[in-house]
N, C-alpha and C. Protein backbone atom coordinates (compact mmCIF):
# COMPACT_ATOMS: atom_id res chain seq x y z
N MET A 1 98.72 151.24 119.42
CA MET A 1 98.42 150.64 118.12
C MET A 1 99.69 150.01 117.56
N LYS A 2 99.55 148.83 117.02
CA LYS A 2 100.72 148.15 116.48
C LYS A 2 101.23 148.86 115.24
N LYS A 3 102.53 148.86 115.14
CA LYS A 3 103.14 149.44 113.96
C LYS A 3 102.93 148.53 112.77
N ARG A 4 102.89 149.10 111.60
CA ARG A 4 102.81 148.34 110.37
C ARG A 4 104.20 148.35 109.75
N LEU A 5 104.80 147.19 109.63
CA LEU A 5 106.14 147.09 109.08
C LEU A 5 106.08 146.70 107.61
N SER A 6 107.20 146.87 106.93
CA SER A 6 107.30 146.42 105.55
C SER A 6 107.25 144.92 105.51
N ALA A 7 106.88 144.37 104.36
CA ALA A 7 106.81 142.92 104.23
C ALA A 7 108.16 142.29 104.50
N LEU A 8 109.23 142.92 104.06
CA LEU A 8 110.57 142.36 104.24
C LEU A 8 110.94 142.29 105.70
N THR A 9 110.65 143.37 106.46
CA THR A 9 110.98 143.38 107.88
C THR A 9 110.16 142.36 108.63
N CYS A 10 108.87 142.27 108.32
CA CYS A 10 108.01 141.30 108.99
C CYS A 10 108.46 139.88 108.70
N ALA A 11 108.83 139.63 107.45
CA ALA A 11 109.29 138.29 107.09
C ALA A 11 110.53 137.92 107.87
N ALA A 12 111.44 138.87 108.04
CA ALA A 12 112.66 138.60 108.78
C ALA A 12 112.35 138.26 110.22
N CYS A 13 111.39 138.99 110.82
CA CYS A 13 111.00 138.73 112.21
C CYS A 13 110.39 137.35 112.35
N LEU A 14 109.50 137.00 111.43
CA LEU A 14 108.85 135.71 111.51
C LEU A 14 109.83 134.58 111.27
N CYS A 15 110.77 134.77 110.35
CA CYS A 15 111.76 133.74 110.07
C CYS A 15 112.58 133.44 111.31
N ALA A 16 112.96 134.49 112.02
CA ALA A 16 113.75 134.29 113.23
C ALA A 16 112.96 133.51 114.27
N ALA A 17 111.66 133.80 114.34
CA ALA A 17 110.83 133.13 115.33
C ALA A 17 110.54 131.69 114.96
N LEU A 18 110.49 131.39 113.65
CA LEU A 18 110.06 130.07 113.20
C LEU A 18 111.20 129.14 112.81
N ALA A 19 112.43 129.63 112.82
CA ALA A 19 113.56 128.80 112.41
C ALA A 19 113.94 127.86 113.54
N LEU A 20 113.09 126.88 113.81
CA LEU A 20 113.31 125.94 114.89
C LEU A 20 113.98 124.68 114.38
N PRO A 21 114.79 124.03 115.21
CA PRO A 21 115.36 122.76 114.81
C PRO A 21 114.27 121.72 114.69
N ALA A 22 114.50 120.74 113.83
CA ALA A 22 113.47 119.73 113.59
C ALA A 22 113.10 118.99 114.85
N ALA A 23 114.07 118.73 115.71
CA ALA A 23 113.79 117.99 116.94
C ALA A 23 112.82 118.77 117.81
N ALA A 24 112.89 120.12 117.75
CA ALA A 24 112.01 120.94 118.56
C ALA A 24 110.64 121.05 117.93
N ALA A 25 110.51 120.60 116.71
CA ALA A 25 109.23 120.72 116.01
C ALA A 25 108.35 119.51 116.18
N GLY A 26 108.72 118.60 117.07
CA GLY A 26 107.89 117.47 117.35
C GLY A 26 108.14 116.28 116.46
N ALA A 27 109.15 116.33 115.63
CA ALA A 27 109.47 115.21 114.75
C ALA A 27 110.97 115.24 114.46
N PRO A 28 111.64 114.09 114.53
CA PRO A 28 113.07 114.05 114.29
C PRO A 28 113.41 114.27 112.83
N ALA A 29 114.60 114.83 112.60
CA ALA A 29 115.05 115.02 111.23
C ALA A 29 115.24 113.66 110.57
N ALA A 30 114.94 113.58 109.30
CA ALA A 30 115.06 112.31 108.59
C ALA A 30 115.26 112.61 107.12
N SER A 31 115.59 111.57 106.37
CA SER A 31 115.72 111.75 104.93
C SER A 31 114.33 111.99 104.34
N VAL A 32 114.30 112.71 103.24
CA VAL A 32 113.02 113.03 102.61
C VAL A 32 112.41 111.77 102.00
N PRO A 33 111.15 111.48 102.33
CA PRO A 33 110.50 110.30 101.73
C PRO A 33 110.44 110.44 100.22
N ALA A 34 110.46 109.33 99.54
CA ALA A 34 110.38 109.34 98.07
C ALA A 34 108.90 109.37 97.68
N TYR A 35 108.30 110.55 97.75
CA TYR A 35 106.89 110.68 97.42
C TYR A 35 106.69 110.47 95.92
N SER A 36 105.88 109.51 95.58
CA SER A 36 105.66 109.20 94.16
C SER A 36 104.83 110.25 93.45
N ASP A 37 104.13 111.11 94.22
CA ASP A 37 103.27 112.11 93.60
C ASP A 37 103.87 113.52 93.65
N VAL A 38 105.17 113.63 93.93
CA VAL A 38 105.86 114.92 93.92
C VAL A 38 106.98 114.85 92.89
N ALA A 39 106.72 115.39 91.72
CA ALA A 39 107.72 115.37 90.66
C ALA A 39 108.89 116.28 91.03
N ALA A 40 110.08 115.90 90.61
CA ALA A 40 111.28 116.65 90.96
C ALA A 40 111.22 118.10 90.47
N ASP A 41 110.51 118.34 89.37
CA ASP A 41 110.44 119.69 88.82
C ASP A 41 109.13 120.41 89.16
N ALA A 42 108.36 119.87 90.10
CA ALA A 42 107.12 120.52 90.51
C ALA A 42 107.44 121.83 91.23
N TRP A 43 106.59 122.84 91.08
CA TRP A 43 106.86 124.15 91.67
C TRP A 43 106.92 124.10 93.19
N TYR A 44 106.37 123.05 93.78
CA TYR A 44 106.35 122.93 95.23
C TYR A 44 107.32 121.86 95.76
N ALA A 45 108.11 121.22 94.86
CA ALA A 45 108.97 120.11 95.26
C ALA A 45 109.99 120.52 96.33
N GLU A 46 110.63 121.66 96.13
CA GLU A 46 111.63 122.13 97.09
C GLU A 46 111.00 122.40 98.45
N ALA A 47 109.79 122.95 98.44
CA ALA A 47 109.10 123.24 99.69
C ALA A 47 108.73 121.96 100.41
N VAL A 48 108.24 120.98 99.69
CA VAL A 48 107.89 119.70 100.30
C VAL A 48 109.12 119.08 100.96
N GLU A 49 110.25 119.16 100.29
CA GLU A 49 111.49 118.62 100.86
C GLU A 49 111.87 119.36 102.14
N ALA A 50 111.76 120.68 102.11
CA ALA A 50 112.15 121.49 103.27
C ALA A 50 111.27 121.21 104.48
N VAL A 51 109.95 121.19 104.28
CA VAL A 51 109.06 121.00 105.43
C VAL A 51 109.08 119.56 105.92
N SER A 52 109.40 118.63 105.02
CA SER A 52 109.53 117.22 105.43
C SER A 52 110.77 117.04 106.29
N LEU A 53 111.89 117.62 105.87
CA LEU A 53 113.12 117.52 106.64
C LEU A 53 112.98 118.19 108.01
N ALA A 54 112.23 119.29 108.06
CA ALA A 54 112.04 120.01 109.32
C ALA A 54 111.04 119.30 110.24
N GLY A 55 110.29 118.37 109.68
CA GLY A 55 109.31 117.65 110.49
C GLY A 55 108.01 118.39 110.67
N TYR A 56 107.77 119.46 109.91
CA TYR A 56 106.56 120.24 110.05
C TYR A 56 105.37 119.59 109.35
N MET A 57 105.63 118.92 108.21
CA MET A 57 104.58 118.21 107.50
C MET A 57 105.07 116.80 107.17
N THR A 58 104.13 115.88 107.14
CA THR A 58 104.43 114.51 106.76
C THR A 58 103.51 114.12 105.61
N GLY A 59 103.79 112.99 105.01
CA GLY A 59 102.98 112.53 103.91
C GLY A 59 101.65 111.97 104.37
N THR A 60 100.76 111.76 103.43
CA THR A 60 99.49 111.13 103.74
C THR A 60 99.64 109.60 103.77
N SER A 61 100.79 109.15 103.28
CA SER A 61 101.19 107.74 103.39
C SER A 61 102.71 107.72 103.26
N GLU A 62 103.30 106.56 103.30
CA GLU A 62 104.76 106.46 103.19
C GLU A 62 105.25 106.91 101.83
N THR A 63 104.42 106.82 100.82
CA THR A 63 104.86 107.15 99.46
C THR A 63 104.10 108.30 98.82
N ALA A 64 103.13 108.89 99.52
CA ALA A 64 102.32 109.97 98.93
C ALA A 64 102.28 111.20 99.82
N PHE A 65 102.39 112.36 99.19
CA PHE A 65 102.26 113.63 99.90
C PHE A 65 100.88 114.25 99.65
N SER A 66 100.24 113.85 98.59
CA SER A 66 98.93 114.38 98.19
C SER A 66 98.97 115.90 98.07
N PRO A 67 99.80 116.43 97.18
CA PRO A 67 99.99 117.88 97.07
C PRO A 67 98.74 118.65 96.70
N ASN A 68 97.83 118.03 95.98
CA ASN A 68 96.63 118.75 95.52
C ASN A 68 95.43 118.55 96.45
N ALA A 69 95.64 117.80 97.51
CA ALA A 69 94.54 117.57 98.46
C ALA A 69 94.31 118.83 99.28
N ALA A 70 93.05 119.05 99.65
CA ALA A 70 92.72 120.21 100.47
C ALA A 70 93.31 120.07 101.87
N VAL A 71 93.71 121.19 102.43
CA VAL A 71 94.24 121.23 103.79
C VAL A 71 93.07 121.29 104.77
N THR A 72 93.13 120.53 105.82
CA THR A 72 92.08 120.55 106.83
C THR A 72 92.47 121.43 108.01
N ARG A 73 91.48 121.79 108.81
CA ARG A 73 91.74 122.60 110.00
C ARG A 73 92.66 121.86 110.96
N ALA A 74 92.49 120.56 111.06
CA ALA A 74 93.36 119.77 111.94
C ALA A 74 94.81 119.86 111.50
N THR A 75 95.04 119.79 110.20
CA THR A 75 96.41 119.87 109.68
C THR A 75 97.03 121.22 109.94
N VAL A 76 96.29 122.30 109.71
CA VAL A 76 96.85 123.64 109.89
C VAL A 76 97.27 123.88 111.34
N VAL A 77 96.39 123.57 112.29
CA VAL A 77 96.76 123.84 113.69
C VAL A 77 97.90 122.93 114.13
N THR A 78 97.97 121.72 113.57
CA THR A 78 99.07 120.83 113.92
C THR A 78 100.40 121.36 113.41
N VAL A 79 100.40 121.90 112.20
CA VAL A 79 101.62 122.48 111.64
C VAL A 79 102.09 123.67 112.48
N LEU A 80 101.16 124.54 112.85
CA LEU A 80 101.52 125.71 113.66
C LEU A 80 102.01 125.28 115.04
N TRP A 81 101.40 124.27 115.60
CA TRP A 81 101.83 123.72 116.89
C TRP A 81 103.24 123.15 116.80
N ARG A 82 103.55 122.47 115.70
CA ARG A 82 104.90 121.95 115.51
C ARG A 82 105.91 123.08 115.35
N LEU A 83 105.50 124.18 114.70
CA LEU A 83 106.39 125.33 114.57
C LEU A 83 106.78 125.87 115.95
N GLU A 84 105.90 125.68 116.92
CA GLU A 84 106.18 126.14 118.29
C GLU A 84 106.96 125.12 119.10
N GLY A 85 107.32 124.00 118.47
CA GLY A 85 108.07 122.98 119.17
C GLY A 85 107.20 121.91 119.79
N ALA A 86 105.95 121.80 119.34
CA ALA A 86 105.01 120.79 119.84
C ALA A 86 104.92 120.81 121.36
N PRO A 87 104.58 121.96 121.94
CA PRO A 87 104.52 122.07 123.40
C PRO A 87 103.39 121.25 124.00
N ALA A 88 103.61 120.78 125.23
CA ALA A 88 102.56 120.10 125.96
C ALA A 88 101.49 121.13 126.29
N PHE A 89 100.25 120.77 126.13
CA PHE A 89 99.18 121.72 126.39
C PHE A 89 97.93 120.93 126.72
N SER A 90 97.38 121.19 127.86
CA SER A 90 96.22 120.42 128.30
C SER A 90 95.00 121.31 128.47
N VAL A 91 93.98 121.02 127.72
CA VAL A 91 92.69 121.68 127.86
C VAL A 91 91.65 120.58 127.84
N GLU A 92 90.89 120.49 128.90
CA GLU A 92 89.90 119.42 128.97
C GLU A 92 88.82 119.64 127.92
N ALA A 93 88.68 118.66 127.02
CA ALA A 93 87.68 118.72 125.94
C ALA A 93 87.69 120.09 125.28
N PRO A 94 88.76 120.42 124.54
CA PRO A 94 88.86 121.74 123.92
C PRO A 94 87.70 122.06 122.98
N PHE A 95 87.24 121.06 122.26
CA PHE A 95 86.09 121.22 121.38
C PHE A 95 85.25 119.93 121.47
N PRO A 96 83.93 120.01 121.38
CA PRO A 96 83.12 118.81 121.52
C PRO A 96 83.34 117.77 120.43
N ASP A 97 83.88 118.19 119.27
CA ASP A 97 84.10 117.25 118.19
C ASP A 97 85.57 116.86 118.02
N VAL A 98 86.38 117.12 119.03
CA VAL A 98 87.78 116.66 119.04
C VAL A 98 87.86 115.50 120.03
N ALA A 99 87.99 114.31 119.51
CA ALA A 99 87.98 113.12 120.34
C ALA A 99 89.26 113.00 121.15
N ALA A 100 89.14 112.47 122.34
CA ALA A 100 90.32 112.23 123.18
C ALA A 100 91.24 111.26 122.45
N GLY A 101 92.51 111.60 122.38
CA GLY A 101 93.48 110.74 121.72
C GLY A 101 93.62 110.98 120.23
N ALA A 102 92.83 111.90 119.68
CA ALA A 102 92.97 112.21 118.25
C ALA A 102 94.38 112.75 117.99
N TRP A 103 94.94 112.50 116.81
CA TRP A 103 96.32 112.89 116.53
C TRP A 103 96.52 114.40 116.60
N TYR A 104 95.47 115.17 116.48
CA TYR A 104 95.54 116.62 116.51
C TYR A 104 94.99 117.20 117.81
N GLU A 105 94.68 116.37 118.81
CA GLU A 105 94.02 116.84 120.03
C GLU A 105 94.83 117.92 120.74
N THR A 106 96.11 117.66 120.99
CA THR A 106 96.93 118.64 121.70
C THR A 106 97.08 119.91 120.89
N ALA A 107 97.26 119.77 119.57
CA ALA A 107 97.40 120.94 118.71
C ALA A 107 96.13 121.78 118.73
N ALA A 108 94.97 121.14 118.70
CA ALA A 108 93.71 121.87 118.72
C ALA A 108 93.54 122.60 120.06
N ALA A 109 93.91 121.92 121.14
CA ALA A 109 93.81 122.54 122.46
C ALA A 109 94.75 123.73 122.57
N TRP A 110 95.96 123.57 122.05
CA TRP A 110 96.94 124.67 122.05
C TRP A 110 96.44 125.85 121.23
N ALA A 111 95.93 125.57 120.03
CA ALA A 111 95.45 126.63 119.14
C ALA A 111 94.28 127.39 119.76
N LYS A 112 93.41 126.67 120.45
CA LYS A 112 92.29 127.34 121.12
C LYS A 112 92.79 128.17 122.28
N GLY A 113 93.70 127.60 123.07
CA GLY A 113 94.22 128.30 124.23
C GLY A 113 94.99 129.56 123.88
N LYS A 114 95.61 129.58 122.71
CA LYS A 114 96.39 130.74 122.28
C LYS A 114 95.60 131.72 121.42
N GLY A 115 94.32 131.43 121.23
CA GLY A 115 93.48 132.33 120.46
C GLY A 115 93.69 132.25 118.96
N ILE A 116 94.26 131.16 118.49
CA ILE A 116 94.53 131.00 117.06
C ILE A 116 93.34 130.38 116.34
N ALA A 117 92.73 129.41 116.97
CA ALA A 117 91.56 128.74 116.37
C ALA A 117 90.39 128.82 117.34
N ALA A 118 89.23 129.06 116.80
CA ALA A 118 88.02 129.11 117.60
C ALA A 118 86.98 128.19 116.99
N GLY A 119 85.99 127.84 117.76
CA GLY A 119 84.93 126.99 117.24
C GLY A 119 83.90 127.80 116.48
N ASN A 120 82.98 127.11 115.84
CA ASN A 120 81.90 127.80 115.14
C ASN A 120 80.83 128.23 116.15
N ASP A 121 79.67 128.65 115.67
CA ASP A 121 78.65 129.15 116.59
C ASP A 121 78.13 128.08 117.53
N LYS A 122 78.45 126.82 117.24
CA LYS A 122 78.06 125.73 118.13
C LYS A 122 79.26 125.21 118.93
N GLY A 123 80.38 125.91 118.82
CA GLY A 123 81.56 125.53 119.56
C GLY A 123 82.34 124.38 118.98
N ARG A 124 82.00 123.97 117.76
CA ARG A 124 82.66 122.84 117.15
C ARG A 124 83.89 123.29 116.34
N PHE A 125 84.91 122.42 116.32
CA PHE A 125 86.16 122.73 115.64
C PHE A 125 86.14 122.32 114.17
N ASN A 126 85.36 121.30 113.84
CA ASN A 126 85.30 120.79 112.47
C ASN A 126 86.70 120.45 111.93
N PRO A 127 87.38 119.52 112.57
CA PRO A 127 88.78 119.23 112.23
C PRO A 127 89.00 118.75 110.80
N ASP A 128 88.03 118.09 110.23
CA ASP A 128 88.20 117.54 108.89
C ASP A 128 87.72 118.47 107.78
N SER A 129 87.27 119.65 108.15
CA SER A 129 86.78 120.60 107.15
C SER A 129 87.94 121.17 106.35
N ALA A 130 87.74 121.30 105.04
CA ALA A 130 88.76 121.91 104.19
C ALA A 130 88.87 123.39 104.50
N VAL A 131 90.08 123.90 104.46
CA VAL A 131 90.34 125.30 104.77
C VAL A 131 90.46 126.10 103.47
N THR A 132 89.75 127.22 103.40
CA THR A 132 89.88 128.08 102.23
C THR A 132 91.13 128.94 102.37
N ARG A 133 91.51 129.60 101.29
CA ARG A 133 92.70 130.44 101.32
C ARG A 133 92.54 131.60 102.29
N GLN A 134 91.34 132.17 102.38
CA GLN A 134 91.16 133.26 103.31
C GLN A 134 91.11 132.76 104.76
N GLU A 135 90.60 131.57 104.98
CA GLU A 135 90.61 131.00 106.33
C GLU A 135 92.04 130.71 106.77
N LEU A 136 92.86 130.20 105.85
CA LEU A 136 94.25 129.94 106.17
C LEU A 136 94.96 131.25 106.51
N ALA A 137 94.67 132.29 105.75
CA ALA A 137 95.29 133.60 106.00
C ALA A 137 94.95 134.10 107.40
N VAL A 138 93.72 133.91 107.83
CA VAL A 138 93.30 134.36 109.16
C VAL A 138 94.05 133.58 110.24
N LEU A 139 94.19 132.28 110.06
CA LEU A 139 94.93 131.48 111.04
C LEU A 139 96.39 131.91 111.12
N LEU A 140 97.00 132.20 109.97
CA LEU A 140 98.39 132.65 109.95
C LEU A 140 98.52 134.02 110.62
N HIS A 141 97.54 134.87 110.40
CA HIS A 141 97.54 136.20 111.01
C HIS A 141 97.42 136.09 112.53
N ARG A 142 96.52 135.26 113.00
CA ARG A 142 96.36 135.07 114.45
C ARG A 142 97.63 134.49 115.05
N TYR A 143 98.28 133.60 114.32
CA TYR A 143 99.53 133.03 114.82
C TYR A 143 100.59 134.12 114.95
N ALA A 144 100.68 134.99 113.95
CA ALA A 144 101.64 136.09 114.00
C ALA A 144 101.34 137.01 115.18
N GLN A 145 100.07 137.27 115.45
CA GLN A 145 99.69 138.10 116.58
C GLN A 145 100.06 137.42 117.89
N TYR A 146 99.84 136.12 117.98
CA TYR A 146 100.22 135.36 119.17
C TYR A 146 101.73 135.46 119.41
N LYS A 147 102.51 135.45 118.32
CA LYS A 147 103.96 135.55 118.45
C LYS A 147 104.41 136.94 118.90
N GLY A 148 103.50 137.90 118.84
CA GLY A 148 103.82 139.23 119.32
C GLY A 148 104.50 140.13 118.32
N GLY A 149 104.54 139.72 117.07
CA GLY A 149 105.20 140.53 116.06
C GLY A 149 104.26 141.54 115.42
N ASP A 150 104.82 142.50 114.74
CA ASP A 150 104.02 143.45 113.98
C ASP A 150 103.49 142.73 112.73
N VAL A 151 102.49 143.29 112.14
CA VAL A 151 101.88 142.65 111.00
C VAL A 151 102.08 143.48 109.74
N ALA A 152 102.11 142.77 108.61
CA ALA A 152 102.25 143.45 107.32
C ALA A 152 100.86 143.80 106.80
N GLU A 153 100.81 144.69 105.83
CA GLU A 153 99.53 145.04 105.23
C GLU A 153 99.72 145.18 103.73
N GLY A 154 99.33 144.14 103.02
CA GLY A 154 99.45 144.16 101.57
C GLY A 154 98.29 144.90 100.93
N THR A 155 98.41 145.17 99.65
CA THR A 155 97.39 145.90 98.91
C THR A 155 96.46 144.91 98.21
N LEU A 156 95.30 144.71 98.79
CA LEU A 156 94.35 143.75 98.24
C LEU A 156 93.71 144.24 96.96
N SER A 157 93.62 145.55 96.79
CA SER A 157 92.95 146.10 95.61
C SER A 157 93.66 145.78 94.31
N LEU A 158 94.87 145.23 94.40
CA LEU A 158 95.60 144.84 93.20
C LEU A 158 94.95 143.63 92.52
N TYR A 159 94.10 142.92 93.25
CA TYR A 159 93.48 141.71 92.73
C TYR A 159 92.05 141.99 92.28
N SER A 160 91.70 141.47 91.13
CA SER A 160 90.39 141.76 90.55
C SER A 160 89.24 141.20 91.38
N ASP A 161 89.50 140.18 92.19
CA ASP A 161 88.44 139.57 93.00
C ASP A 161 88.54 139.96 94.47
N ALA A 162 89.22 141.06 94.75
CA ALA A 162 89.41 141.49 96.14
C ALA A 162 88.08 141.72 96.85
N ALA A 163 87.07 142.15 96.11
CA ALA A 163 85.77 142.42 96.73
C ALA A 163 85.12 141.16 97.28
N SER A 164 85.57 139.99 96.82
CA SER A 164 84.97 138.74 97.29
C SER A 164 85.60 138.24 98.59
N ILE A 165 86.60 138.95 99.08
CA ILE A 165 87.20 138.57 100.37
C ILE A 165 86.21 138.93 101.48
N SER A 166 85.92 137.99 102.34
CA SER A 166 84.98 138.24 103.43
C SER A 166 85.52 139.32 104.36
N ALA A 167 84.61 140.10 104.95
CA ALA A 167 85.02 141.20 105.83
C ALA A 167 85.89 140.70 106.98
N TRP A 168 85.54 139.53 107.55
CA TRP A 168 86.29 139.01 108.69
C TRP A 168 87.68 138.51 108.30
N ALA A 169 87.93 138.37 106.99
CA ALA A 169 89.21 137.83 106.54
C ALA A 169 90.12 138.87 105.91
N ARG A 170 89.65 140.09 105.74
CA ARG A 170 90.42 141.09 105.01
C ARG A 170 91.75 141.42 105.69
N GLU A 171 91.75 141.57 106.99
CA GLU A 171 92.99 141.88 107.69
C GLU A 171 93.99 140.73 107.57
N GLY A 172 93.49 139.51 107.72
CA GLY A 172 94.35 138.34 107.59
C GLY A 172 94.91 138.20 106.18
N MET A 173 94.07 138.43 105.18
CA MET A 173 94.53 138.34 103.80
C MET A 173 95.55 139.43 103.49
N ALA A 174 95.32 140.64 104.00
CA ALA A 174 96.27 141.73 103.78
C ALA A 174 97.62 141.38 104.40
N HIS A 175 97.59 140.76 105.56
CA HIS A 175 98.82 140.34 106.23
C HIS A 175 99.56 139.29 105.39
N ALA A 176 98.83 138.27 104.95
CA ALA A 176 99.45 137.19 104.18
C ALA A 176 99.99 137.68 102.85
N VAL A 177 99.25 138.58 102.21
CA VAL A 177 99.70 139.15 100.93
C VAL A 177 100.93 140.04 101.16
N GLY A 178 100.89 140.81 102.23
CA GLY A 178 102.01 141.70 102.53
C GLY A 178 103.31 140.98 102.77
N LEU A 179 103.23 139.79 103.35
CA LEU A 179 104.43 138.98 103.59
C LEU A 179 104.79 138.09 102.41
N GLY A 180 103.92 138.05 101.42
CA GLY A 180 104.17 137.17 100.29
C GLY A 180 103.88 135.72 100.59
N LEU A 181 103.13 135.47 101.67
CA LEU A 181 102.80 134.09 102.04
C LEU A 181 101.74 133.53 101.11
N ILE A 182 100.78 134.35 100.76
CA ILE A 182 99.73 133.97 99.82
C ILE A 182 99.82 134.91 98.63
N GLN A 183 99.89 134.33 97.46
CA GLN A 183 100.02 135.12 96.24
C GLN A 183 98.89 134.77 95.27
N GLY A 184 98.59 135.71 94.41
CA GLY A 184 97.52 135.49 93.46
C GLY A 184 98.03 134.87 92.16
N SER A 185 97.09 134.62 91.28
CA SER A 185 97.40 134.08 89.96
C SER A 185 96.49 134.74 88.93
N ASP A 186 97.06 135.21 87.85
CA ASP A 186 96.29 135.88 86.80
C ASP A 186 95.46 137.04 87.35
N GLY A 187 96.04 137.74 88.32
CA GLY A 187 95.38 138.91 88.86
C GLY A 187 94.28 138.62 89.86
N ARG A 188 94.14 137.36 90.26
CA ARG A 188 93.11 136.98 91.23
C ARG A 188 93.77 136.37 92.46
N ILE A 189 93.14 136.58 93.63
CA ILE A 189 93.66 136.04 94.88
C ILE A 189 92.88 134.81 95.34
N ASP A 190 91.69 134.60 94.77
CA ASP A 190 90.87 133.40 95.01
C ASP A 190 90.68 133.11 96.50
N PRO A 191 90.08 134.03 97.24
CA PRO A 191 89.95 133.85 98.69
C PRO A 191 89.13 132.64 99.12
N GLY A 192 88.12 132.30 98.30
CA GLY A 192 87.26 131.18 98.68
C GLY A 192 87.73 129.84 98.15
N GLY A 193 88.84 129.83 97.41
CA GLY A 193 89.37 128.57 96.90
C GLY A 193 89.99 127.73 98.00
N ALA A 194 90.01 126.45 97.79
CA ALA A 194 90.58 125.55 98.80
C ALA A 194 92.10 125.71 98.88
N ALA A 195 92.61 125.78 100.07
CA ALA A 195 94.06 125.78 100.28
C ALA A 195 94.53 124.33 100.17
N THR A 196 95.60 124.10 99.43
CA THR A 196 96.09 122.74 99.22
C THR A 196 97.33 122.46 100.05
N ARG A 197 97.66 121.19 100.16
CA ARG A 197 98.84 120.80 100.92
C ARG A 197 100.11 121.35 100.29
N SER A 198 100.16 121.41 98.97
CA SER A 198 101.35 121.97 98.32
C SER A 198 101.47 123.46 98.62
N GLN A 199 100.35 124.19 98.63
CA GLN A 199 100.37 125.61 98.96
C GLN A 199 100.83 125.83 100.40
N LEU A 200 100.35 124.99 101.31
CA LEU A 200 100.76 125.11 102.70
C LEU A 200 102.25 124.86 102.85
N ALA A 201 102.77 123.87 102.13
CA ALA A 201 104.21 123.59 102.19
C ALA A 201 105.02 124.78 101.72
N VAL A 202 104.57 125.43 100.65
CA VAL A 202 105.28 126.60 100.12
C VAL A 202 105.22 127.75 101.12
N ILE A 203 104.07 127.95 101.75
CA ILE A 203 103.94 129.01 102.75
C ILE A 203 104.90 128.76 103.90
N LEU A 204 104.98 127.52 104.37
CA LEU A 204 105.89 127.19 105.46
C LEU A 204 107.34 127.42 105.06
N GLN A 205 107.67 127.07 103.83
CA GLN A 205 109.04 127.30 103.37
C GLN A 205 109.35 128.79 103.35
N ARG A 206 108.40 129.61 102.96
CA ARG A 206 108.62 131.06 102.94
C ARG A 206 108.84 131.59 104.35
N LEU A 207 108.15 131.02 105.32
CA LEU A 207 108.36 131.42 106.70
C LEU A 207 109.73 130.96 107.22
N MET A 208 110.18 129.82 106.72
CA MET A 208 111.45 129.25 107.17
C MET A 208 112.66 129.91 106.52
N THR A 209 112.48 130.50 105.33
CA THR A 209 113.60 131.04 104.57
C THR A 209 113.92 132.46 105.00
N PRO A 210 115.14 132.75 105.42
CA PRO A 210 115.49 134.12 105.83
C PRO A 210 115.24 135.11 104.70
N ALA A 211 114.71 136.27 105.05
CA ALA A 211 114.45 137.31 104.05
C ALA A 211 115.76 137.79 103.46
N MET A 212 115.75 138.01 102.16
CA MET A 212 116.93 138.48 101.46
C MET A 212 116.80 139.97 101.17
N GLY A 213 117.93 140.62 101.08
CA GLY A 213 117.87 142.02 100.71
C GLY A 213 118.51 142.89 101.78
C-alpha cells in the first residue's frame, strides 16, 4: 500500500519531477507575450507569466490568454505531456474522435498509454469538452500516480459542498486539496464548476515552485 505523505513532502517530490527546462517541455523559452486580457495585478498574472516562459501553456491568440475560458480535455493532456518533455508517442488511432494530425494527437495518445486519460463508455475522448474541477483533480492524481510518487490526502469535509464530490473523484480531489493544487472559496470546493485556464496556470505554477519550509 502506498504511503500517505504530508502535503509539503508530496509537493517537494512533484516539484523535483516537474522542474523541467522549457526546451524539454516542447516549446522554447521566450519573452512573455503581452496578453491584453491579463492585468498586471490579476491574481493569476504571475502564474501566466511562469507557465508561458516555461512553454507549458500558450495563449489562445498572440494577444489573448483567455484566463476565464474553460479548460478542455485536449488542453489538460497537452500540458501534462509538455511537463514530461513532449515525448514521442505513437498509438494508432488512440481515440475515434481524435483526428490524425490534431494538435493534441500525440498528447492524447501519450495520456491514454500512460493511464492518465481514458475514453467514455463509447471510447471517445471528447477533446473539446470543458473539464470540471473534480475531473481536473482526477487527471492530476493519475499523473502523480504515473510519476510513481506517493499521494497526499486532504480533508474534504472542511468544505460545505464536499458531499457533492462524485465518488469516482473523491480520491483525486483529496490529493489535489492535500497538495494545495485546488483550493476552495468561501468554504466551498465547487467540484462541478468549470476549471478555467487561469486556474490551470496557477496549479502548474504551484507544481513548478519548490516547496518552502
